[in-house]
Amino acid sequence: MSRRLRDPQPRGSRSRTVTAYCAAEQYDIAAVANILKNAAYHLDPYETGLYPQVVHVEVPNQTPSRRLEGRGLTTGDVFIFPSGTVVAWDVPESTMSFLVSRTLVPAAIHPCHQQLEEEDLEYLEDPTRDASSIKGDTIILGTKPSSPSHHHHPASTSYPDHLETTTSDNQPRTTTDTTLTRIAFSSGLARSTKLAVLETLLSTYLTTTHPIPRLLSNGSPLPYTRTTILQNTGLLLSLRAQLNLYSELTDSLPDLFWDSKYELGLEGYYDMVGRALDVGVRIKVLNGKLDYATEIAEVLRGQLSERHGVRLEWIIILLITVEVGFAIRQEVKEYRGKRREP
């Protein structure tokens, strides 16, 4: 796929949308790369060198609004993360729907068919600024071109060679540094969307256990089978593991930023998204809800153990009763036999 220049976005122009999708528990990132290569996408077009932490492709973007504005064919950015999230910058919803729900499904590990989560922010490109920021729910993306001596050209990756983009000195362009900035914001937004999936799953679980405290306070029996209790316990363990062990949700800095240029301040952009979307607060709240849900699960397991114990006691009582019955029968036979003897 050939590289195309992006249109300048002066201040006050129409904002665009960056959308994150959580489509799976994880992505097999090598499979993602193979699928996109076979679909003729150009991987890592600006040589960020961040594969396999993220896969970046550009897709054609020609919406009706752009045709009305008299713009030519442009491209949008798509970033795929191993966490099962996809982030799209200025890409039509129809394109992303096909990409997420069909193209990338073979690379998805435990796809979220029922809990596909979406989250979006607005963004503007400002060609007069070097640094980027977030104001409210809008990302201000600084796209001021750096001098040729500051262009970043990392070593070539395993992707095919491609032509370099050239622009005039006064025209903003998507350099490697700007793409890295997009990745930083995308990583923060993907983190929030992944967290939203866990919040939805836990909320659904708590809805099913909502009657338990009232039933206990009324002294009523709990209408839960052993299978249901074990399934709920497994779900809680999976949620806590996804939150605290198997993902980068609680990491202060994802691995993809360790090898990036310090002067770009990418970790700052990542933190900006986290603060704007209250990710830290939501993680604390989610852990608190998980603690409560764990207490409920312990109550259910206690009830399960009590039921099992009572059942064993009745089985033992029944066996003793049967044994006593046989013993009494044997004694009666022996007594009658003695009486019949002359």
C-alpha atoms as a PDB file:
ATOM      1  CA  MET A   1       0.000   0.000   0.000  1.00  0.00           C
ATOM      2  CA  SER A   2       1.556   3.310  -1.047  1.00  0.00           C
ATOM      3  CA  ARG A   3       2.200   6.127   1.379  1.00  0.00           C
ATOM      4  CA  ARG A   4       0.109   9.282   1.046  1.00  0.00           C
ATOM      5  CA  LEU A   5       0.448  12.702   2.567  1.00  0.00           C
ATOM      6  CA  ARG A   6      -2.021  13.879   5.169  1.00  0.00           C
ATOM      7  CA  ASP A   7      -4.017  17.042   4.741  1.00  0.00           C
ATOM      8  CA  PRO A   8      -3.039  20.005   6.925  1.00  0.00           C
ATOM      9  CA  GLN A   9      -5.334  20.543   9.884  1.00  0.00           C
ATOM     10  CA  PRO A  10      -5.278  24.208  10.903  1.00  0.00           C
ATOM     11  CA  ARG A  11      -6.719  25.282  14.216  1.00  0.00           C
ATOM     12  CA  GLY A  12     -10.473  25.645  14.216  1.00  0.00           C
ATOM     13  CA  SER A  13     -10.925  22.990  11.541  1.00  0.00           C
ATOM     14  CA  ARG A  14     -13.272  20.048  11.830  1.00  0.00           C
ATOM     15  CA  SER A  15     -12.169  17.568  14.479  1.00  0.00           C
ATOM     16  CA  ARG A  16     -11.640  13.920  13.674  1.00  0.00           C
ATOM     17  CA  THR A  17     -12.206  10.797  15.718  1.00  0.00           C
ATOM     18  CA  VAL A  18      -9.859   8.245  17.242  1.00  0.00           C
ATOM     19  CA  THR A  19     -11.686   5.078  18.260  1.00  0.00           C
ATOM     20  CA  ALA A  20     -10.493   2.088  20.280  1.00  0.00           C
ATOM     21  CA  TYR A  21     -12.047  -1.373  20.006  1.00  0.00           C
ATOM     22  CA  CYS A  22     -11.467  -4.255  22.404  1.00  0.00           C
ATOM     23  CA  ALA A  23     -12.214  -7.254  20.210  1.00  0.00           C
ATOM     24  CA  ALA A  24     -10.453 -10.118  22.011  1.00  0.00           C
ATOM     25  CA  GLU A  25      -8.763 -11.138  25.209  1.00  0.00           C
ATOM     26  CA  GLN A  26      -5.495 -11.177  23.243  1.00  0.00           C
ATOM     27  CA  TYR A  27      -4.173 -11.049  19.691  1.00  0.00           C
ATOM     28  CA  ASP A  28      -1.571 -13.392  18.235  1.00  0.00           C
ATOM     29  CA  ILE A  29       0.441 -10.474  16.940  1.00  0.00           C
ATOM     30  CA  ALA A  30       2.479 -12.588  14.477  1.00  0.00           C
ATOM     31  CA  ALA A  31      -0.779 -13.884  12.988  1.00  0.00           C
ATOM     32  CA  VAL A  32      -2.063 -10.296  12.789  1.00  0.00           C
ATOM     33  CA  ALA A  33       1.022  -9.263  10.813  1.00  0.00           C
ATOM     34  CA  ASN A  34       0.647 -12.193   8.397  1.00  0.00           C
ATOM     35  CA  ILE A  35      -3.061 -11.501   7.853  1.00  0.00           C
ATOM     36  CA  LEU A  36      -2.456  -7.834   7.074  1.00  0.00           C
ATOM     37  CA  LYS A  37       0.491  -8.603   4.782  1.00  0.00           C
ATOM     38  CA  ASN A  38      -1.643 -11.049   2.832  1.00  0.00           C
ATOM     39  CA  ALA A  39      -4.333  -8.362   2.597  1.00  0.00           C
ATOM     40  CA  ALA A  40      -1.759  -6.049   0.907  1.00  0.00           C
ATOM     41  CA  TYR A  41      -1.396  -3.662   3.861  1.00  0.00           C
ATOM     42  CA  HIS A  42       1.965  -1.969   4.316  1.00  0.00           C
ATOM     43  CA  LEU A  43       3.159  -2.718   7.850  1.00  0.00           C
ATOM     44  CA  ASP A  44       4.995  -0.113   9.919  1.00  0.00           C
ATOM     45  CA  PRO A  45       5.012   2.514   7.105  1.00  0.00           C
ATOM     46  CA  TYR A  46       7.019   5.041   9.149  1.00  0.00           C
ATOM     47  CA  GLU A  47       9.554   2.590  10.560  1.00  0.00           C
ATOM     48  CA  THR A  48       8.787   2.986  14.247  1.00  0.00           C
ATOM     49  CA  GLY A  49      10.450  -0.376  14.891  1.00  0.00           C
ATOM     50  CA  LEU A  50       7.914  -1.192  17.640  1.00  0.00           C
ATOM     51  CA  TYR A  51       6.820  -4.563  16.267  1.00  0.00           C
ATOM     52  CA  PRO A  52       5.783  -6.872  17.998  1.00  0.00           C
ATOM     53  CA  GLN A  53       4.519  -4.459  20.699  1.00  0.00           C
ATOM     54  CA  VAL A  54       2.176  -2.938  18.110  1.00  0.00           C
ATOM     55  CA  VAL A  55       1.286  -3.410  14.442  1.00  0.00           C
ATOM     56  CA  HIS A  56       0.686  -0.210  12.462  1.00  0.00           C
ATOM     57  CA  VAL A  57      -0.986   0.041   9.062  1.00  0.00           C
ATOM     58  CA  GLU A  58      -2.518   2.836   7.022  1.00  0.00           C
ATOM     59  CA  VAL A  59      -5.892   2.408   5.359  1.00  0.00           C
ATOM     60  CA  PRO A  60      -7.564   4.549   2.671  1.00  0.00           C
ATOM     61  CA  ASN A  61     -10.024   7.061   4.048  1.00  0.00           C
ATOM     62  CA  GLN A  62     -12.483   8.812   1.768  1.00  0.00           C
ATOM     63  CA  THR A  63     -15.666   9.672   3.652  1.00  0.00           C
ATOM     64  CA  PRO A  64     -18.559  11.714   2.158  1.00  0.00           C
ATOM     65  CA  SER A  65     -17.622  14.677   4.364  1.00  0.00           C
ATOM     66  CA  ARG A  66     -14.106  14.701   2.946  1.00  0.00           C
ATOM     67  CA  ARG A  67     -15.434  14.624  -0.621  1.00  0.00           C
ATOM     68  CA  LEU A  68     -17.669  17.590   0.192  1.00  0.00           C
ATOM     69  CA  GLU A  69     -14.621  19.415   1.562  1.00  0.00           C
ATOM     70  CA  GLY A  70     -12.864  18.813  -1.755  1.00  0.00           C
ATOM     71  CA  ARG A  71     -10.094  16.676  -0.292  1.00  0.00           C
ATOM     72  CA  GLY A  72      -8.425  13.894  -2.171  1.00  0.00           C
ATOM     73  CA  LEU A  73      -7.821  10.374  -1.005  1.00  0.00           C
ATOM     74  CA  THR A  74      -6.212  10.359   2.431  1.00  0.00           C
ATOM     75  CA  THR A  75      -5.233   7.639   4.873  1.00  0.00           C
ATOM     76  CA  GLY A  76      -6.129   6.783   8.430  1.00  0.00           C
ATOM     77  CA  ASP A  77      -3.953   4.972  10.947  1.00  0.00           C
ATOM     78  CA  VAL A  78      -4.782   1.644  12.574  1.00  0.00           C
ATOM     79  CA  PHE A  79      -2.783   0.292  15.509  1.00  0.00           C
ATOM     80  CA  ILE A  80      -3.256  -3.304  16.712  1.00  0.00           C
ATOM     81  CA  PHE A  81      -1.994  -4.221  20.190  1.00  0.00           C
ATOM     82  CA  PRO A  82      -1.360  -7.712  21.631  1.00  0.00           C
ATOM     83  CA  SER A  83      -3.867  -6.930  24.405  1.00  0.00           C
ATOM     84  CA  GLY A  84      -6.711  -7.567  21.945  1.00  0.00           C
ATOM     85  CA  THR A  85      -7.360  -3.899  21.210  1.00  0.00           C
ATOM     86  CA  VAL A  86      -7.416  -1.978  17.930  1.00  0.00           C
ATOM     87  CA  VAL A  87      -7.161   1.828  17.737  1.00  0.00           C
ATOM     88  CA  ALA A  88      -8.188   3.708  14.584  1.00  0.00           C
ATOM     89  CA  TRP A  89      -7.368   7.323  13.764  1.00  0.00           C
ATOM     90  CA  ASP A  90      -9.751   8.919  11.256  1.00  0.00           C
ATOM     91  CA  VAL A  91     -10.956   5.631   9.768  1.00  0.00           C
ATOM     92  CA  PRO A  92     -14.607   5.089   8.687  1.00  0.00           C
ATOM     93  CA  GLU A  93     -16.660   2.932  11.030  1.00  0.00           C
ATOM     94  CA  SER A  94     -17.624   0.567   8.218  1.00  0.00           C
ATOM     95  CA  THR A  95     -13.957  -0.088   7.445  1.00  0.00           C
ATOM     96  CA  MET A  96     -13.138  -0.773  11.087  1.00  0.00           C
ATOM     97  CA  SER A  97     -16.188  -2.969  11.562  1.00  0.00           C
ATOM     98  CA  PHE A  98     -15.028  -5.240   8.739  1.00  0.00           C
ATOM     99  CA  LEU A  99     -11.411  -5.219   9.942  1.00  0.00           C
ATOM    100  CA  VAL A 100     -12.255  -6.044  13.577  1.00  0.00           C
ATOM    101  CA  SER A 101     -15.164  -8.434  13.100  1.00  0.00           C
ATOM    102  CA  ARG A 102     -13.818 -10.340  10.081  1.00  0.00           C
ATOM    103  CA  THR A 103     -10.262  -9.687   8.946  1.00  0.00           C
ATOM    104  CA  LEU A 104      -8.551 -10.009  12.355  1.00  0.00           C
ATOM    105  CA  VAL A 105     -10.791 -12.719  13.850  1.00  0.00           C
ATOM    106  CA  PRO A 106      -8.417 -15.622  12.936  1.00  0.00           C
ATOM    107  CA  ALA A 107      -5.691 -13.943  15.038  1.00  0.00           C
ATOM    108  CA  ALA A 108      -7.983 -13.318  18.027  1.00  0.00           C
ATOM    109  CA  ILE A 109      -7.595 -15.363  21.205  1.00  0.00           C
ATOM    110  CA  HIS A 110     -10.999 -15.622  22.918  1.00  0.00           C
ATOM    111  CA  PRO A 111     -12.816 -13.055  20.724  1.00  0.00           C
ATOM    112  CA  CYS A 112     -15.290 -10.710  22.442  1.00  0.00           C
ATOM    113  CA  HIS A 113     -18.318 -11.462  20.275  1.00  0.00           C
ATOM    114  CA  GLN A 114     -20.737 -10.573  23.062  1.00  0.00           C
ATOM    115  CA  GLN A 115     -18.715  -7.823  24.805  1.00  0.00           C
ATOM    116  CA  LEU A 116     -17.195  -5.787  21.957  1.00  0.00           C
ATOM    117  CA  GLU A 117     -16.278  -2.512  23.647  1.00  0.00           C
ATOM    118  CA  GLU A 118     -15.708   0.817  21.887  1.00  0.00           C
ATOM    119  CA  GLU A 119     -14.352   4.106  23.192  1.00  0.00           C
ATOM    120  CA  ASP A 120     -13.490   7.254  21.275  1.00  0.00           C
ATOM    121  CA  LEU A 121     -11.991  10.719  21.580  1.00  0.00           C
ATOM    122  CA  GLU A 122     -11.889  13.666  19.216  1.00  0.00           C
ATOM    123  CA  TYR A 123      -8.576  14.958  17.905  1.00  0.00           C
ATOM    124  CA  LEU A 124      -7.201  17.917  15.974  1.00  0.00           C
ATOM    125  CA  GLU A 125      -3.911  18.218  14.123  1.00  0.00           C
ATOM    126  CA  ASP A 126      -2.092  21.473  14.857  1.00  0.00           C
ATOM    127  CA  PRO A 127       0.784  22.148  12.416  1.00  0.00           C
ATOM    128  CA  THR A 128       2.097  25.030  14.559  1.00  0.00           C
ATOM    129  CA  ARG A 129       2.889  22.932  17.632  1.00  0.00           C
ATOM    130  CA  ASP A 130       5.705  20.523  18.396  1.00  0.00           C
ATOM    131  CA  ALA A 131       4.146  19.032  21.536  1.00  0.00           C
ATOM    132  CA  SER A 132       0.742  17.421  21.884  1.00  0.00           C
ATOM    133  CA  SER A 133      -1.821  17.610  24.680  1.00  0.00           C
ATOM    134  CA  ILE A 134      -5.365  16.737  25.742  1.00  0.00           C
ATOM    135  CA  LYS A 135      -8.021  19.348  26.437  1.00  0.00           C
ATOM    136  CA  GLY A 136     -11.203  17.813  27.767  1.00  0.00           C
ATOM    137  CA  ASP A 137     -12.040  14.944  25.440  1.00  0.00           C
ATOM    138  CA  THR A 138      -9.993  16.294  22.537  1.00  0.00           C
ATOM    139  CA  ILE A 139      -6.428  15.401  21.660  1.00  0.00           C
ATOM    140  CA  ILE A 140      -4.408  18.288  20.217  1.00  0.00           C
ATOM    141  CA  LEU A 141      -1.836  16.552  18.043  1.00  0.00           C
ATOM    142  CA  GLY A 142       1.198  18.666  17.299  1.00  0.00           C
ATOM    143  CA  THR A 143       2.356  17.929  13.743  1.00  0.00           C
ATOM    144  CA  LYS A 144       4.971  20.659  13.230  1.00  0.00           C
ATOM    145  CA  PRO A 145       7.721  19.116  11.090  1.00  0.00           C
ATOM    146  CA  SER A 146      11.114  18.782  12.703  1.00  0.00           C
ATOM    147  CA  SER A 147      14.329  19.744  10.942  1.00  0.00           C
ATOM    148  CA  PRO A 148      15.930  17.088   8.739  1.00  0.00           C
ATOM    149  CA  SER A 149      18.685  16.545  11.299  1.00  0.00           C
ATOM    150  CA  HIS A 150      16.097  15.466  13.876  1.00  0.00           C
ATOM    151  CA  HIS A 151      14.223  12.960  11.735  1.00  0.00           C
ATOM    152  CA  HIS A 152      14.270   9.533  13.265  1.00  0.00           C
ATOM    153  CA  HIS A 153      15.304   6.690  10.978  1.00  0.00           C
ATOM    154  CA  PRO A 154      15.642   3.495  12.964  1.00  0.00           C
ATOM    155  CA  ALA A 155      17.115   0.361  11.562  1.00  0.00           C
ATOM    156  CA  SER A 156      14.996  -1.392   8.988  1.00  0.00           C
ATOM    157  CA  THR A 157      12.689  -4.093  10.321  1.00  0.00           C
ATOM    158  CA  SER A 158      11.633  -7.282   8.620  1.00  0.00           C
ATOM    159  CA  TYR A 159       8.950  -5.397   6.675  1.00  0.00           C
ATOM    160  CA  PRO A 160       9.408  -4.608   2.942  1.00  0.00           C
ATOM    161  CA  ASP A 161      11.289  -1.492   1.836  1.00  0.00           C
ATOM    162  CA  HIS A 162       9.266   1.599   0.938  1.00  0.00           C
ATOM    163  CA  LEU A 163       9.706   5.115  -0.422  1.00  0.00           C
ATOM    164  CA  GLU A 164      10.321   8.093   1.834  1.00  0.00           C
ATOM    165  CA  THR A 165       7.715  10.854   2.151  1.00  0.00           C
ATOM    166  CA  THR A 166       8.777  14.317   1.063  1.00  0.00           C
ATOM    167  CA  THR A 167       6.937  17.574   1.746  1.00  0.00           C
ATOM    168  CA  SER A 168       7.627  21.271   1.538  1.00  0.00           C
ATOM    169  CA  ASP A 169       9.124  22.982   4.604  1.00  0.00           C
ATOM    170  CA  ASN A 170       5.892  24.729   5.549  1.00  0.00           C
ATOM    171  CA  GLN A 171       3.634  21.696   5.186  1.00  0.00           C
ATOM    172  CA  PRO A 172       2.986  19.363   8.164  1.00  0.00           C
ATOM    173  CA  ARG A 173       3.556  15.714   7.558  1.00  0.00           C
ATOM    174  CA  THR A 174       3.300  12.473   9.472  1.00  0.00           C
ATOM    175  CA  THR A 175       6.855  11.788  10.533  1.00  0.00           C
ATOM    176  CA  THR A 176       8.046   8.853  12.610  1.00  0.00           C
ATOM    177  CA  ASP A 177       7.929  11.064  15.712  1.00  0.00           C
ATOM    178  CA  THR A 178       4.294  12.030  15.072  1.00  0.00           C
ATOM    179  CA  THR A 179       3.402   8.387  14.529  1.00  0.00           C
ATOM    180  CA  LEU A 180       5.064   7.479  17.837  1.00  0.00           C
ATOM    181  CA  THR A 181       2.946  10.173  19.484  1.00  0.00           C
ATOM    182  CA  ARG A 182      -0.170   8.598  17.985  1.00  0.00           C
ATOM    183  CA  ILE A 183       0.938   5.219  19.319  1.00  0.00           C
ATOM    184  CA  ALA A 184       1.398   6.670  22.803  1.00  0.00           C
ATOM    185  CA  PHE A 185      -2.108   8.141  22.825  1.00  0.00           C
ATOM    186  CA  SER A 186      -3.461   4.929  21.268  1.00  0.00           C
ATOM    187  CA  SER A 187      -1.866   2.788  23.951  1.00  0.00           C
ATOM    188  CA  GLY A 188      -3.497   4.893  26.667  1.00  0.00           C
ATOM    189  CA  LEU A 189      -6.903   4.737  24.966  1.00  0.00           C
ATOM    190  CA  ALA A 190      -6.562   0.983  24.373  1.00  0.00           C
ATOM    191  CA  ARG A 191      -5.815   0.556  28.077  1.00  0.00           C
ATOM    192  CA  SER A 192      -9.027   2.378  29.001  1.00  0.00           C
ATOM    193  CA  THR A 193     -11.087   0.302  26.556  1.00  0.00           C
ATOM    194  CA  LYS A 194      -9.622  -2.964  27.864  1.00  0.00           C
ATOM    195  CA  LEU A 195     -10.497  -1.834  31.373  1.00  0.00           C
ATOM    196  CA  ALA A 196     -14.065  -1.067  30.249  1.00  0.00           C
ATOM    197  CA  VAL A 197     -14.483  -4.697  29.147  1.00  0.00           C
ATOM    198  CA  LEU A 198     -13.496  -5.936  32.603  1.00  0.00           C
ATOM    199  CA  GLU A 199     -15.827  -3.381  34.201  1.00  0.00           C
ATOM    200  CA  THR A 200     -18.721  -4.652  32.079  1.00  0.00           C
ATOM    201  CA  LEU A 201     -17.983  -8.298  32.900  1.00  0.00           C
ATOM    202  CA  LEU A 202     -17.780  -7.588  36.627  1.00  0.00           C
ATOM    203  CA  SER A 203     -20.940  -5.479  36.536  1.00  0.00           C
ATOM    204  CA  THR A 204     -22.782  -8.376  34.884  1.00  0.00           C
ATOM    205  CA  TYR A 205     -21.475 -10.767  37.535  1.00  0.00           C
ATOM    206  CA  LEU A 206     -22.506  -8.476  40.401  1.00  0.00           C
ATOM    207  CA  THR A 207     -25.987  -8.206  38.913  1.00  0.00           C
ATOM    208  CA  THR A 208     -26.403 -11.983  39.179  1.00  0.00           C
ATOM    209  CA  THR A 209     -25.239 -12.002  42.825  1.00  0.00           C
ATOM    210  CA  HIS A 210     -27.200  -8.905  43.892  1.00  0.00           C
ATOM    211  CA  PRO A 211     -29.948 -10.898  45.731  1.00  0.00           C
ATOM    212  CA  ILE A 212     -27.473 -12.849  47.895  1.00  0.00           C
ATOM    213  CA  PRO A 213     -27.128 -10.378  50.821  1.00  0.00           C
ATOM    214  CA  ARG A 214     -30.913 -10.024  51.058  1.00  0.00           C
ATOM    215  CA  LEU A 215     -31.454 -13.788  50.967  1.00  0.00           C
ATOM    216  CA  LEU A 216     -28.860 -14.271  53.708  1.00  0.00           C
ATOM    217  CA  SER A 217     -30.387 -11.553  55.879  1.00  0.00           C
ATOM    218  CA  ASN A 218     -33.820 -13.194  55.510  1.00  0.00           C
ATOM    219  CA  GLY A 219     -32.444 -16.642  56.315  1.00  0.00           C
ATOM    220  CA  SER A 220     -33.530 -17.973  52.927  1.00  0.00           C
ATOM    221  CA  PRO A 221     -31.651 -20.772  51.152  1.00  0.00           C
ATOM    222  CA  LEU A 222     -29.376 -19.762  48.281  1.00  0.00           C
ATOM    223  CA  PRO A 223     -30.627 -21.066  44.909  1.00  0.00           C
ATOM    224  CA  TYR A 224     -27.191 -21.772  43.433  1.00  0.00           C
ATOM    225  CA  THR A 225     -25.880 -25.111  42.243  1.00  0.00           C
ATOM    226  CA  ARG A 226     -22.355 -26.394  42.723  1.00  0.00           C
ATOM    227  CA  THR A 227     -21.626 -25.854  39.012  1.00  0.00           C
ATOM    228  CA  THR A 228     -22.811 -22.227  39.142  1.00  0.00           C
ATOM    229  CA  ILE A 229     -20.700 -21.473  42.207  1.00  0.00           C
ATOM    230  CA  LEU A 230     -17.574 -22.965  40.633  1.00  0.00           C
ATOM    231  CA  GLN A 231     -18.180 -21.059  37.381  1.00  0.00           C
ATOM    232  CA  ASN A 232     -18.562 -17.775  39.276  1.00  0.00           C
ATOM    233  CA  THR A 233     -15.367 -18.448  41.206  1.00  0.00           C
ATOM    234  CA  GLY A 234     -13.497 -19.159  37.972  1.00  0.00           C
ATOM    235  CA  LEU A 235     -14.842 -15.943  36.404  1.00  0.00           C
ATOM    236  CA  LEU A 236     -13.607 -13.861  39.339  1.00  0.00           C
ATOM    237  CA  LEU A 237     -10.167 -15.446  39.208  1.00  0.00           C
ATOM    238  CA  SER A 238     -10.006 -14.748  35.459  1.00  0.00           C
ATOM    239  CA  LEU A 239     -11.034 -11.097  35.915  1.00  0.00           C
ATOM    240  CA  ARG A 240      -8.494 -10.481  38.656  1.00  0.00           C
ATOM    241  CA  ALA A 241      -5.773 -12.164  36.616  1.00  0.00           C
ATOM    242  CA  GLN A 242      -6.567 -10.071  33.520  1.00  0.00           C
ATOM    243  CA  LEU A 243      -6.505  -6.914  35.608  1.00  0.00           C
ATOM    244  CA  ASN A 244      -3.409  -7.517  37.704  1.00  0.00           C
ATOM    245  CA  LEU A 245      -1.334 -10.278  36.132  1.00  0.00           C
ATOM    246  CA  TYR A 246      -1.790 -10.940  32.423  1.00  0.00           C
ATOM    247  CA  SER A 247      -2.049  -7.393  31.004  1.00  0.00           C
ATOM    248  CA  GLU A 248      -0.363  -4.000  31.210  1.00  0.00           C
ATOM    249  CA  LEU A 249      -3.420  -2.320  32.770  1.00  0.00           C
ATOM    250  CA  THR A 250      -1.686  -1.692  36.076  1.00  0.00           C
ATOM    251  CA  ASP A 251       1.783  -1.008  34.663  1.00  0.00           C
ATOM    252  CA  SER A 252       2.936   2.586  34.970  1.00  0.00           C
ATOM    253  CA  LEU A 253       4.761   2.310  31.633  1.00  0.00           C
ATOM    254  CA  PRO A 254       4.105  -0.327  28.915  1.00  0.00           C
ATOM    255  CA  ASP A 255       7.045  -2.181  27.426  1.00  0.00           C
ATOM    256  CA  LEU A 256       6.759  -0.441  24.049  1.00  0.00           C
ATOM    257  CA  PHE A 257       7.958   2.868  25.565  1.00  0.00           C
ATOM    258  CA  TRP A 258      11.199   1.546  27.036  1.00  0.00           C
ATOM    259  CA  ASP A 259      13.037   1.643  23.696  1.00  0.00           C
ATOM    260  CA  SER A 260      11.498   4.914  22.456  1.00  0.00           C
ATOM    261  CA  LYS A 261      13.279   8.265  22.384  1.00  0.00           C
ATOM    262  CA  TYR A 262      13.140   9.920  25.799  1.00  0.00           C
ATOM    263  CA  GLU A 263      12.945  13.461  24.375  1.00  0.00           C
ATOM    264  CA  LEU A 264       9.598  12.699  22.725  1.00  0.00           C
ATOM    265  CA  GLY A 265       7.954  12.347  26.135  1.00  0.00           C
ATOM    266  CA  LEU A 266       5.729   9.484  24.985  1.00  0.00           C
ATOM    267  CA  GLU A 267       5.107   8.265  28.520  1.00  0.00           C
ATOM    268  CA  GLY A 268       3.655  11.705  29.279  1.00  0.00           C
ATOM    269  CA  TYR A 269       1.091  11.344  26.473  1.00  0.00           C
ATOM    270  CA  TYR A 270       0.216   7.871  27.759  1.00  0.00           C
ATOM    271  CA  ASP A 271      -0.343   9.302  31.246  1.00  0.00           C
ATOM    272  CA  MET A 272      -2.434  12.165  29.827  1.00  0.00           C
ATOM    273  CA  VAL A 273      -4.971   9.712  28.439  1.00  0.00           C
ATOM    274  CA  GLY A 274      -5.006   7.815  31.713  1.00  0.00           C
ATOM    275  CA  ARG A 275      -5.767  10.980  33.677  1.00  0.00           C
ATOM    276  CA  ALA A 276      -8.360  12.204  31.155  1.00  0.00           C
ATOM    277  CA  LEU A 277     -10.233   8.891  31.322  1.00  0.00           C
ATOM    278  CA  ASP A 278      -9.699   8.321  35.085  1.00  0.00           C
ATOM    279  CA  VAL A 279      -7.978   5.000  34.451  1.00  0.00           C
ATOM    280  CA  GLY A 280      -6.150   4.954  37.804  1.00  0.00           C
ATOM    281  CA  VAL A 281      -9.328   5.660  39.768  1.00  0.00           C
ATOM    282  CA  ARG A 282     -11.277   3.076  37.778  1.00  0.00           C
ATOM    283  CA  ILE A 283      -8.639   0.410  38.472  1.00  0.00           C
ATOM    284  CA  LYS A 284      -8.905   1.085  42.222  1.00  0.00           C
ATOM    285  CA  VAL A 285     -12.701   0.964  42.076  1.00  0.00           C
ATOM    286  CA  LEU A 286     -12.594  -2.239  40.042  1.00  0.00           C
ATOM    287  CA  ASN A 287     -10.239  -3.889  42.523  1.00  0.00           C
ATOM    288  CA  GLY A 288     -12.564  -2.831  45.352  1.00  0.00           C
ATOM    289  CA  LYS A 289     -15.542  -4.382  43.574  1.00  0.00           C
ATOM    290  CA  LEU A 290     -13.493  -7.518  42.958  1.00  0.00           C
ATOM    291  CA  ASP A 291     -12.768  -7.718  46.698  1.00  0.00           C
ATOM    292  CA  TYR A 292     -16.503  -7.502  47.429  1.00  0.00           C
ATOM    293  CA  ALA A 293     -17.285 -10.083  44.746  1.00  0.00           C
ATOM    294  CA  THR A 294     -14.626 -12.362  46.242  1.00  0.00           C
ATOM    295  CA  GLU A 295     -16.303 -12.102  49.654  1.00  0.00           C
ATOM    296  CA  ILE A 296     -19.616 -13.088  48.065  1.00  0.00           C
ATOM    297  CA  ALA A 297     -17.891 -16.021  46.357  1.00  0.00           C
ATOM    298  CA  GLU A 298     -16.438 -17.123  49.708  1.00  0.00           C
ATOM    299  CA  VAL A 299     -19.952 -17.074  51.192  1.00  0.00           C
ATOM    300  CA  LEU A 300     -21.191 -19.214  48.304  1.00  0.00           C
ATOM    301  CA  ARG A 301     -18.309 -21.628  48.717  1.00  0.00           C
ATOM    302  CA  GLY A 302     -19.057 -21.792  52.437  1.00  0.00           C
ATOM    303  CA  GLN A 303     -22.669 -22.649  51.668  1.00  0.00           C
ATOM    304  CA  LEU A 304     -21.476 -25.241  49.166  1.00  0.00           C
ATOM    305  CA  SER A 305     -19.160 -26.824  51.748  1.00  0.00           C
ATOM    306  CA  GLU A 306     -21.936 -26.792  54.350  1.00  0.00           C
ATOM    307  CA  ARG A 307     -24.355 -28.452  51.946  1.00  0.00           C
ATOM    308  CA  HIS A 308     -21.755 -31.031  51.044  1.00  0.00           C
ATOM    309  CA  GLY A 309     -21.042 -31.689  54.715  1.00  0.00           C
ATOM    310  CA  VAL A 310     -24.731 -32.085  55.530  1.00  0.00           C
ATOM    311  CA  ARG A 311     -25.146 -34.452  52.591  1.00  0.00           C
ATOM    312  CA  LEU A 312     -22.223 -36.567  53.809  1.00  0.00           C
ATOM    313  CA  GLU A 313     -23.688 -36.645  57.308  1.00  0.00           C
ATOM    314  CA  TRP A 314     -27.020 -37.911  56.000  1.00  0.00           C
ATOM    315  CA  ILE A 315     -25.265 -40.520  53.881  1.00  0.00           C
ATOM    316  CA  ILE A 316     -23.346 -41.698  56.941  1.00  0.00           C
ATOM    317  CA  ILE A 317     -26.543 -41.782  59.018  1.00  0.00           C
ATOM    318  CA  LEU A 318     -28.292 -43.764  56.280  1.00  0.00           C
ATOM    319  CA  LEU A 319     -25.420 -46.265  56.069  1.00  0.00           C
ATOM    320  CA  ILE A 320     -25.404 -46.688  59.850  1.00  0.00           C
ATOM    321  CA  THR A 321     -29.177 -47.173  59.819  1.00  0.00           C
ATOM    322  CA  VAL A 322     -28.898 -49.833  57.112  1.00  0.00           C
ATOM    323  CA  GLU A 323     -26.111 -51.582  58.993  1.00  0.00           C
ATOM    324  CA  VAL A 324     -28.098 -51.510  62.233  1.00  0.00           C
ATOM    325  CA  GLY A 325     -31.120 -52.862  60.365  1.00  0.00           C
ATOM    326  CA  PHE A 326     -29.098 -55.792  59.021  1.00  0.00           C
ATOM    327  CA  ALA A 327     -27.658 -56.447  62.478  1.00  0.00           C
ATOM    328  CA  ILE A 328     -31.110 -56.438  64.088  1.00  0.00           C
ATOM    329  CA  ARG A 329     -32.402 -58.757  61.374  1.00  0.00           C
ATOM    330  CA  GLN A 330     -29.514 -61.136  61.974  1.00  0.00           C
ATOM    331  CA  GLU A 331     -30.132 -61.088  65.723  1.00  0.00           C
ATOM    332  CA  VAL A 332     -33.836 -61.817  65.199  1.00  0.00           C
ATOM    333  CA  LYS A 333     -33.002 -64.783  62.962  1.00  0.00           C
ATOM    334  CA  GLU A 334     -30.598 -66.195  65.508  1.00  0.00           C
ATOM    335  CA  TYR A 335     -33.108 -65.711  68.343  1.00  0.00           C
ATOM    336  CA  ARG A 336     -35.886 -67.478  66.414  1.00  0.00           C
ATOM    337  CA  GLY A 337     -33.524 -70.303  65.516  1.00  0.00           C
ATOM    338  CA  LYS A 338     -32.657 -70.899  69.151  1.00  0.00           C
ATOM    339  CA  ARG A 339     -36.332 -71.012  70.171  1.00  0.00           C
ATOM    340  CA  ARG A 340     -37.091 -73.683  67.568  1.00  0.00           C
ATOM    341  CA  GLU A 341     -34.369 -75.962  68.827  1.00  0.00           C
ATOM    342  CA  PRO A 342     -35.699 -78.813  71.085  1.00  0.00           C
END
